[in-house]
């Protein structure tokens, strides 16, 4: 199970052991520093060892980091209203303003 789109789009999200428990669907409460295994209190018989939980946290952090290009593109794209206006004028005038604007954002924020 990976991160949902809401978390991937949140620039303030951060991976921690509470997030790892949630992603593994293991009921737990984490108090204090959310990256210290001793602070994890499992709320059912289901538990997970520190290595597995830490690995899941690191996996989630890597997934979130890999999606950084999309968060940056989202901020850089012109508004939908502006894009529609560009498309209208491109069709009317035979220009490529919209394609150029979108490509510039993609070039400035590559996937890899």
N, C-alpha and C. Protein backbone atom coordinates (compact mmCIF):
# COMPACT_ATOMS: atom_id res chain seq x y z
N UNK A 1 0.85 -1.17 0.00
CA UNK A 1 0.00 0.00 0.00
C UNK A 1 0.90 1.23 0.00
N UNK A 2 0.60 2.19 -0.86
CA UNK A 2 1.39 3.41 -0.93
C UNK A 2 0.63 4.59 -0.37
N UNK A 3 1.18 5.75 -0.61
CA UNK A 3 0.55 6.97 -0.13
C UNK A 3 -0.62 7.35 -1.02
N UNK A 4 -1.65 7.92 -0.43
CA UNK A 4 -2.77 8.38 -1.23
C UNK A 4 -2.41 9.73 -1.84
N UNK A 5 -3.18 10.15 -2.84
CA UNK A 5 -2.88 11.36 -3.59
C UNK A 5 -2.92 12.61 -2.71
N UNK A 6 -3.75 12.61 -1.69
CA UNK A 6 -3.82 13.78 -0.79
C UNK A 6 -2.48 13.96 -0.07
N UNK A 7 -1.92 12.88 0.43
CA UNK A 7 -0.64 12.96 1.13
C UNK A 7 0.49 13.27 0.15
N UNK A 8 0.44 12.70 -1.06
CA UNK A 8 1.47 12.98 -2.05
C UNK A 8 1.48 14.45 -2.45
N UNK A 9 0.31 15.07 -2.47
CA UNK A 9 0.21 16.48 -2.86
C UNK A 9 0.47 17.45 -1.72
N UNK A 10 0.55 16.96 -0.50
CA UNK A 10 0.74 17.83 0.67
C UNK A 10 2.22 18.16 0.84
N UNK A 11 2.62 19.43 0.63
CA UNK A 11 4.03 19.78 0.76
C UNK A 11 4.54 19.70 2.19
N UNK A 12 3.65 19.64 3.18
CA UNK A 12 4.05 19.61 4.58
C UNK A 12 4.03 18.21 5.19
N UNK A 13 3.65 17.21 4.42
CA UNK A 13 3.58 15.84 4.94
C UNK A 13 5.00 15.35 5.23
N UNK A 14 5.12 14.51 6.24
CA UNK A 14 6.42 13.89 6.50
C UNK A 14 6.22 12.46 6.97
N UNK A 15 7.11 11.63 6.56
CA UNK A 15 7.06 10.22 6.94
C UNK A 15 7.49 10.07 8.39
N UNK A 16 6.80 9.18 9.12
CA UNK A 16 7.18 8.87 10.49
C UNK A 16 6.59 7.49 10.82
N UNK A 17 6.85 7.02 12.02
CA UNK A 17 6.39 5.68 12.39
C UNK A 17 4.88 5.61 12.52
N UNK A 18 4.23 6.70 12.88
CA UNK A 18 2.76 6.71 12.94
C UNK A 18 2.18 6.52 11.54
N UNK A 19 2.76 7.20 10.56
CA UNK A 19 2.33 7.04 9.17
C UNK A 19 2.59 5.61 8.69
N UNK A 20 3.71 5.05 9.10
CA UNK A 20 4.04 3.68 8.70
C UNK A 20 3.01 2.70 9.27
N UNK A 21 2.64 2.88 10.53
CA UNK A 21 1.62 2.02 11.14
C UNK A 21 0.30 2.15 10.39
N UNK A 22 -0.09 3.39 10.11
CA UNK A 22 -1.34 3.63 9.39
C UNK A 22 -1.32 2.95 8.02
N UNK A 23 -0.19 3.08 7.33
CA UNK A 23 -0.08 2.50 5.99
C UNK A 23 -0.12 0.98 6.04
N UNK A 24 0.43 0.40 7.09
CA UNK A 24 0.40 -1.05 7.27
C UNK A 24 -0.92 -1.53 7.88
N UNK A 25 -1.80 -0.58 8.18
CA UNK A 25 -3.10 -0.84 8.78
C UNK A 25 -2.98 -1.56 10.12
N UNK A 26 -2.02 -1.08 10.91
CA UNK A 26 -1.81 -1.60 12.26
C UNK A 26 -2.20 -0.50 13.24
N UNK A 27 -3.24 -0.72 14.03
CA UNK A 27 -3.68 0.32 14.98
C UNK A 27 -2.59 0.60 16.02
N UNK A 28 -2.20 1.87 16.08
CA UNK A 28 -1.16 2.25 17.02
C UNK A 28 -1.30 3.72 17.36
N UNK A 29 -0.73 4.07 18.49
CA UNK A 29 -0.66 5.47 18.92
C UNK A 29 0.82 5.76 19.12
N UNK A 30 1.25 6.91 18.64
CA UNK A 30 2.65 7.30 18.80
C UNK A 30 2.67 8.63 19.54
N UNK A 31 3.36 8.65 20.67
CA UNK A 31 3.45 9.88 21.45
C UNK A 31 4.88 10.38 21.45
N UNK A 32 5.03 11.68 21.57
CA UNK A 32 6.38 12.24 21.57
C UNK A 32 6.98 12.19 20.18
N UNK A 33 8.25 11.91 20.10
CA UNK A 33 8.96 11.83 18.82
C UNK A 33 8.39 10.66 18.01
N UNK A 34 7.80 10.98 16.87
CA UNK A 34 7.13 9.96 16.05
C UNK A 34 8.09 9.11 15.24
N UNK A 35 9.39 9.27 15.47
CA UNK A 35 10.37 8.44 14.78
C UNK A 35 11.16 7.56 15.74
N UNK A 36 10.67 7.42 16.96
CA UNK A 36 11.31 6.54 17.94
C UNK A 36 10.38 5.37 18.21
N UNK A 37 10.88 4.18 17.93
CA UNK A 37 10.06 2.97 18.03
C UNK A 37 9.49 2.77 19.44
N UNK A 38 10.24 3.14 20.45
CA UNK A 38 9.78 2.97 21.84
C UNK A 38 8.54 3.81 22.13
N UNK A 39 8.27 4.82 21.32
CA UNK A 39 7.10 5.67 21.50
C UNK A 39 5.84 5.12 20.83
N UNK A 40 5.97 3.98 20.16
CA UNK A 40 4.82 3.38 19.47
C UNK A 40 4.10 2.44 20.44
N UNK A 41 2.81 2.68 20.61
CA UNK A 41 1.97 1.82 21.45
C UNK A 41 0.95 1.14 20.52
N UNK A 42 1.10 -0.17 20.37
CA UNK A 42 0.19 -0.92 19.50
C UNK A 42 -1.14 -1.10 20.23
N UNK A 43 -2.25 -0.88 19.51
CA UNK A 43 -3.57 -0.88 20.12
C UNK A 43 -4.32 -2.18 19.88
N UNK A 44 -3.63 -3.17 19.39
CA UNK A 44 -4.24 -4.49 19.17
C UNK A 44 -3.15 -5.54 19.33
N UNK A 45 -3.50 -6.77 19.08
CA UNK A 45 -2.52 -7.84 19.15
C UNK A 45 -1.50 -7.76 18.02
N UNK A 46 -1.88 -7.07 16.96
CA UNK A 46 -0.98 -6.92 15.82
C UNK A 46 0.16 -5.98 16.18
N UNK A 47 1.36 -6.42 15.98
CA UNK A 47 2.54 -5.59 16.20
C UNK A 47 3.46 -5.77 15.01
N UNK A 48 4.44 -4.93 14.93
CA UNK A 48 5.45 -5.04 13.88
C UNK A 48 6.79 -4.65 14.49
N UNK A 49 7.84 -5.33 14.07
CA UNK A 49 9.15 -5.05 14.66
C UNK A 49 9.71 -3.73 14.15
N UNK A 50 10.70 -3.22 14.84
CA UNK A 50 11.27 -1.90 14.54
C UNK A 50 11.84 -1.84 13.12
N UNK A 51 12.53 -2.87 12.68
CA UNK A 51 13.14 -2.86 11.34
C UNK A 51 12.08 -2.76 10.25
N UNK A 52 11.00 -3.51 10.40
CA UNK A 52 9.93 -3.48 9.41
C UNK A 52 9.23 -2.12 9.39
N UNK A 53 8.98 -1.58 10.56
CA UNK A 53 8.30 -0.29 10.66
C UNK A 53 9.18 0.84 10.11
N UNK A 54 10.44 0.79 10.43
CA UNK A 54 11.38 1.80 9.93
C UNK A 54 11.52 1.69 8.41
N UNK A 55 11.56 0.48 7.90
CA UNK A 55 11.66 0.29 6.44
C UNK A 55 10.42 0.85 5.74
N UNK A 56 9.25 0.65 6.32
CA UNK A 56 8.01 1.17 5.73
C UNK A 56 8.04 2.70 5.76
N UNK A 57 8.49 3.28 6.87
CA UNK A 57 8.60 4.74 6.96
C UNK A 57 9.53 5.27 5.86
N UNK A 58 10.66 4.63 5.67
CA UNK A 58 11.62 5.06 4.65
C UNK A 58 11.06 4.89 3.24
N UNK A 59 10.29 3.83 3.03
CA UNK A 59 9.64 3.60 1.73
C UNK A 59 8.64 4.72 1.43
N UNK A 60 7.85 5.11 2.43
CA UNK A 60 6.87 6.18 2.26
C UNK A 60 7.58 7.51 1.99
N UNK A 61 8.67 7.76 2.70
CA UNK A 61 9.43 9.00 2.48
C UNK A 61 9.99 9.05 1.07
N UNK A 62 10.47 7.93 0.56
CA UNK A 62 11.01 7.89 -0.80
C UNK A 62 9.91 8.11 -1.83
N UNK A 63 8.74 7.52 -1.59
CA UNK A 63 7.62 7.71 -2.51
C UNK A 63 7.21 9.18 -2.54
N UNK A 64 7.11 9.81 -1.38
CA UNK A 64 6.73 11.21 -1.30
C UNK A 64 7.78 12.08 -2.01
N UNK A 65 9.05 11.80 -1.80
CA UNK A 65 10.12 12.58 -2.44
C UNK A 65 10.10 12.42 -3.96
N UNK A 66 9.81 11.22 -4.42
CA UNK A 66 9.77 10.96 -5.87
C UNK A 66 8.65 11.74 -6.55
N UNK A 67 7.65 12.14 -5.79
CA UNK A 67 6.50 12.87 -6.34
C UNK A 67 6.71 14.39 -6.27
N UNK A 68 7.88 14.82 -5.86
CA UNK A 68 8.17 16.24 -5.71
C UNK A 68 7.98 17.00 -7.02
N UNK A 69 8.36 16.39 -8.14
CA UNK A 69 8.21 17.06 -9.43
C UNK A 69 6.74 17.45 -9.67
N UNK A 70 5.81 16.59 -9.29
CA UNK A 70 4.39 16.85 -9.51
C UNK A 70 3.90 18.00 -8.62
N UNK A 71 4.36 18.04 -7.37
CA UNK A 71 3.99 19.15 -6.49
C UNK A 71 4.52 20.47 -7.06
N UNK A 72 5.74 20.45 -7.58
CA UNK A 72 6.31 21.66 -8.17
C UNK A 72 5.59 22.07 -9.44
N UNK A 73 5.24 21.10 -10.28
CA UNK A 73 4.49 21.41 -11.50
C UNK A 73 3.14 22.02 -11.18
N UNK A 74 2.47 21.46 -10.20
CA UNK A 74 1.13 21.95 -9.82
C UNK A 74 1.18 23.44 -9.48
N UNK A 75 2.21 23.86 -8.75
CA UNK A 75 2.36 25.26 -8.39
C UNK A 75 2.70 26.13 -9.60
N UNK A 76 3.43 25.57 -10.57
CA UNK A 76 3.95 26.36 -11.69
C UNK A 76 3.00 26.48 -12.87
N UNK A 77 2.07 25.52 -13.02
CA UNK A 77 1.16 25.60 -14.17
C UNK A 77 0.30 26.85 -14.10
N UNK A 78 0.00 27.45 -15.27
CA UNK A 78 -0.97 28.55 -15.28
C UNK A 78 -2.33 28.04 -14.82
N UNK A 79 -3.17 28.95 -14.36
CA UNK A 79 -4.52 28.55 -13.93
C UNK A 79 -5.27 27.92 -15.10
N UNK A 80 -6.29 27.15 -14.80
CA UNK A 80 -7.10 26.53 -15.86
C UNK A 80 -7.72 27.61 -16.74
N UNK A 81 -8.18 28.70 -16.15
CA UNK A 81 -8.76 29.79 -16.93
C UNK A 81 -7.74 30.36 -17.92
N UNK A 82 -6.51 30.55 -17.45
CA UNK A 82 -5.46 31.06 -18.34
C UNK A 82 -5.13 30.03 -19.43
N UNK A 83 -5.10 28.75 -19.07
CA UNK A 83 -4.82 27.72 -20.07
C UNK A 83 -5.90 27.67 -21.14
N UNK A 84 -7.15 27.78 -20.73
CA UNK A 84 -8.25 27.78 -21.71
C UNK A 84 -8.16 28.99 -22.63
N UNK A 85 -7.81 30.13 -22.06
CA UNK A 85 -7.64 31.33 -22.87
C UNK A 85 -6.51 31.15 -23.88
N UNK A 86 -5.39 30.57 -23.43
CA UNK A 86 -4.27 30.29 -24.33
C UNK A 86 -4.72 29.38 -25.47
N UNK A 87 -5.46 28.32 -25.12
CA UNK A 87 -5.91 27.37 -26.13
C UNK A 87 -6.84 28.05 -27.15
N UNK A 88 -7.73 28.91 -26.67
CA UNK A 88 -8.64 29.63 -27.57
C UNK A 88 -7.83 30.46 -28.56
N UNK A 89 -6.88 31.24 -28.03
CA UNK A 89 -6.09 32.11 -28.90
C UNK A 89 -5.16 31.31 -29.81
N UNK A 90 -4.64 30.19 -29.33
CA UNK A 90 -3.82 29.33 -30.18
C UNK A 90 -4.62 28.83 -31.38
N UNK A 91 -5.85 28.40 -31.12
CA UNK A 91 -6.70 27.90 -32.21
C UNK A 91 -7.05 29.03 -33.17
N UNK A 92 -7.37 30.18 -32.62
CA UNK A 92 -7.76 31.33 -33.43
C UNK A 92 -6.58 31.89 -34.23
N UNK A 93 -5.40 31.94 -33.60
CA UNK A 93 -4.25 32.60 -34.22
C UNK A 93 -3.24 31.63 -34.84
N UNK A 94 -3.46 30.33 -34.66
CA UNK A 94 -2.51 29.35 -35.20
C UNK A 94 -1.19 29.34 -34.47
N UNK A 95 -1.22 29.65 -33.16
CA UNK A 95 0.01 29.69 -32.36
C UNK A 95 0.08 28.47 -31.44
N UNK A 96 1.17 28.37 -30.69
CA UNK A 96 1.37 27.24 -29.77
C UNK A 96 1.70 27.74 -28.36
N UNK A 97 1.09 28.84 -27.96
CA UNK A 97 1.38 29.44 -26.65
C UNK A 97 1.12 28.47 -25.51
N UNK A 98 -0.03 27.79 -25.55
CA UNK A 98 -0.39 26.86 -24.48
C UNK A 98 0.60 25.71 -24.41
N UNK A 99 0.87 25.08 -25.55
CA UNK A 99 1.82 23.95 -25.55
C UNK A 99 3.19 24.40 -25.04
N UNK A 100 3.62 25.57 -25.45
CA UNK A 100 4.92 26.09 -25.01
C UNK A 100 4.95 26.32 -23.50
N UNK A 101 3.85 26.88 -22.97
CA UNK A 101 3.78 27.15 -21.52
C UNK A 101 3.81 25.85 -20.72
N UNK A 102 3.06 24.86 -21.17
CA UNK A 102 3.02 23.57 -20.47
C UNK A 102 4.38 22.88 -20.56
N UNK A 103 4.98 22.90 -21.73
CA UNK A 103 6.28 22.26 -21.91
C UNK A 103 7.35 22.93 -21.05
N UNK A 104 7.27 24.25 -20.91
CA UNK A 104 8.25 24.97 -20.08
C UNK A 104 8.17 24.51 -18.62
N UNK A 105 6.95 24.30 -18.13
CA UNK A 105 6.79 23.81 -16.76
C UNK A 105 7.34 22.40 -16.63
N UNK A 106 7.03 21.54 -17.61
CA UNK A 106 7.53 20.16 -17.57
C UNK A 106 9.06 20.13 -17.64
N UNK A 107 9.64 20.98 -18.50
CA UNK A 107 11.10 21.02 -18.63
C UNK A 107 11.76 21.51 -17.35
N UNK A 108 11.12 22.47 -16.67
CA UNK A 108 11.68 23.01 -15.43
C UNK A 108 11.52 22.06 -14.25
N UNK A 109 10.60 21.09 -14.37
CA UNK A 109 10.32 20.15 -13.29
C UNK A 109 10.24 18.72 -13.84
N UNK A 110 11.39 18.16 -14.25
CA UNK A 110 11.38 16.82 -14.86
C UNK A 110 11.01 15.73 -13.85
N UNK A 111 10.49 14.64 -14.37
CA UNK A 111 10.10 13.52 -13.49
C UNK A 111 11.31 12.89 -12.80
N UNK A 112 12.43 12.87 -13.46
CA UNK A 112 13.59 12.25 -12.80
C UNK A 112 14.83 13.08 -12.95
